[in-house]
Amino acid sequence: MALAHRPARLIVLATSQSIPLYVPPMTVGRRDSLISDPDIVLDHRTVSRRHAIIDKKECYTVQDLQSLNKTRLNGIILTPKQEYALHDGDILEFGDVKVRFEH
């Protein structure tokens, strides 16, 4: 029997929370009562309200949205407004929140 296709996902390393990436593009950020919630909510003081975007065209990508506390991919600070390809096992950091990309 064939394995069912599982969507790409983010795993929050501190909590093991699994966040499926069903319908890219998806914004990453924290809740704020003044604006609508992002698609992926990471409620931590170092995560900006609109921190990054995860999208899928030919492959999954991440783009920092000029966040105050930066986005890192495998420890490297991303240049804002540039897309970076994501690969299975990559570690993303949105401020101090670390997640693993699985696909």
Protein backbone atom coordinates (compact mmCIF):
# COMPACT_ATOMS: atom_id res chain seq x y z
CA MET A 1 0.00 0.00 0.00
CA ALA A 2 1.35 3.45 -0.92
CA LEU A 3 2.00 5.96 1.83
CA ALA A 4 -0.41 8.89 1.93
CA HIS A 5 1.14 12.20 0.91
CA ARG A 6 1.87 14.29 3.97
CA PRO A 7 2.15 18.06 3.55
CA ALA A 8 5.37 19.82 4.39
CA ARG A 9 5.45 21.01 7.98
CA LEU A 10 7.33 22.97 10.59
CA ILE A 11 8.23 21.35 13.91
CA VAL A 12 8.70 23.80 16.80
CA LEU A 13 11.80 22.40 18.50
CA ALA A 14 10.97 23.59 22.03
CA THR A 15 7.50 21.99 22.09
CA SER A 16 7.47 19.43 19.22
CA GLN A 17 4.35 21.19 17.87
CA SER A 18 3.75 20.21 14.24
CA ILE A 19 2.48 22.94 11.90
CA PRO A 20 1.36 21.68 8.46
CA LEU A 21 2.01 23.92 5.46
CA TYR A 22 -1.24 23.30 3.59
CA VAL A 23 -1.82 26.42 1.51
CA PRO A 24 1.28 28.54 0.85
CA PRO A 25 2.00 31.39 0.91
CA MET A 26 1.73 31.47 4.68
CA THR A 27 2.76 34.35 6.93
CA VAL A 28 4.68 33.64 10.13
CA GLY A 29 4.23 35.97 13.10
CA ARG A 30 2.77 36.54 16.53
CA ARG A 31 -0.75 37.50 17.52
CA ASP A 32 -1.72 41.14 17.83
CA SER A 33 -5.19 42.40 18.68
CA LEU A 34 -4.89 45.24 16.15
CA ILE A 35 -4.30 43.08 13.05
CA SER A 36 -5.50 39.70 11.82
CA ASP A 37 -3.57 36.64 12.96
CA PRO A 38 -0.79 35.34 10.74
CA ASP A 39 -1.25 31.92 9.13
CA ILE A 40 1.44 30.45 11.40
CA VAL A 41 1.24 31.86 14.92
CA LEU A 42 4.41 31.79 17.04
CA ASP A 43 3.53 33.69 20.20
CA HIS A 44 6.93 34.78 21.46
CA ARG A 45 8.16 38.30 22.21
CA THR A 46 11.07 37.96 19.73
CA VAL A 47 8.74 37.10 16.83
CA SER A 48 7.44 40.10 14.85
CA ARG A 49 3.74 40.50 14.06
CA ARG A 50 4.58 39.82 10.41
CA HIS A 51 7.96 38.09 10.60
CA ALA A 52 8.33 35.98 7.43
CA ILE A 53 6.54 34.27 4.55
CA ILE A 54 6.80 30.62 3.59
CA ASP A 55 5.80 30.00 -0.02
CA LYS A 56 5.91 27.21 -2.59
CA LYS A 57 6.57 27.64 -6.28
CA GLU A 58 9.05 25.12 -7.70
CA CYS A 59 10.14 24.45 -4.12
CA TYR A 60 9.36 25.74 -0.65
CA THR A 61 10.95 29.08 0.20
CA VAL A 62 11.23 31.44 3.15
CA GLN A 63 11.46 35.23 3.04
CA ASP A 64 12.13 37.57 5.97
CA LEU A 65 9.74 40.55 6.12
CA GLN A 66 12.24 43.01 7.61
CA SER A 67 11.64 41.58 11.08
CA LEU A 68 13.28 43.24 14.06
CA ASN A 69 14.87 40.05 15.41
CA LYS A 70 15.73 38.54 12.01
CA THR A 71 15.09 35.19 10.40
CA ARG A 72 17.89 32.63 10.23
CA LEU A 73 18.23 29.58 8.00
CA ASN A 74 20.69 27.02 9.37
CA GLY A 75 22.25 29.78 11.50
CA ILE A 76 22.65 32.31 8.66
CA ILE A 77 20.76 35.63 8.94
CA LEU A 78 18.55 36.12 5.89
CA THR A 79 18.60 39.28 3.82
CA PRO A 80 15.08 40.76 4.06
CA LYS A 81 12.76 40.49 1.05
CA GLN A 82 14.82 37.72 -0.61
CA GLU A 83 13.54 34.18 -1.10
CA TYR A 84 15.66 31.27 0.15
CA ALA A 85 14.99 27.63 -0.80
CA LEU A 86 14.04 25.26 2.01
CA HIS A 87 15.23 21.65 2.19
CA ASP A 88 14.13 18.79 4.41
CA GLY A 89 15.75 19.12 7.83
CA ASP A 90 16.59 22.83 7.56
CA ILE A 91 16.48 24.75 10.85
CA LEU A 92 14.70 28.11 10.76
CA GLU A 93 14.85 30.68 13.54
CA PHE A 94 12.15 33.34 13.79
CA GLY A 95 13.64 35.53 16.50
CA ASP A 96 14.41 33.05 19.29
CA VAL A 97 11.91 30.41 18.08
CA LYS A 98 13.59 27.47 16.31
CA VAL A 99 11.68 25.20 13.94
CA ARG A 100 12.68 22.34 11.67
CA PHE A 101 11.32 22.20 8.11
CA GLU A 102 10.18 18.72 7.05
CA HIS A 103 9.15 17.71 3.56
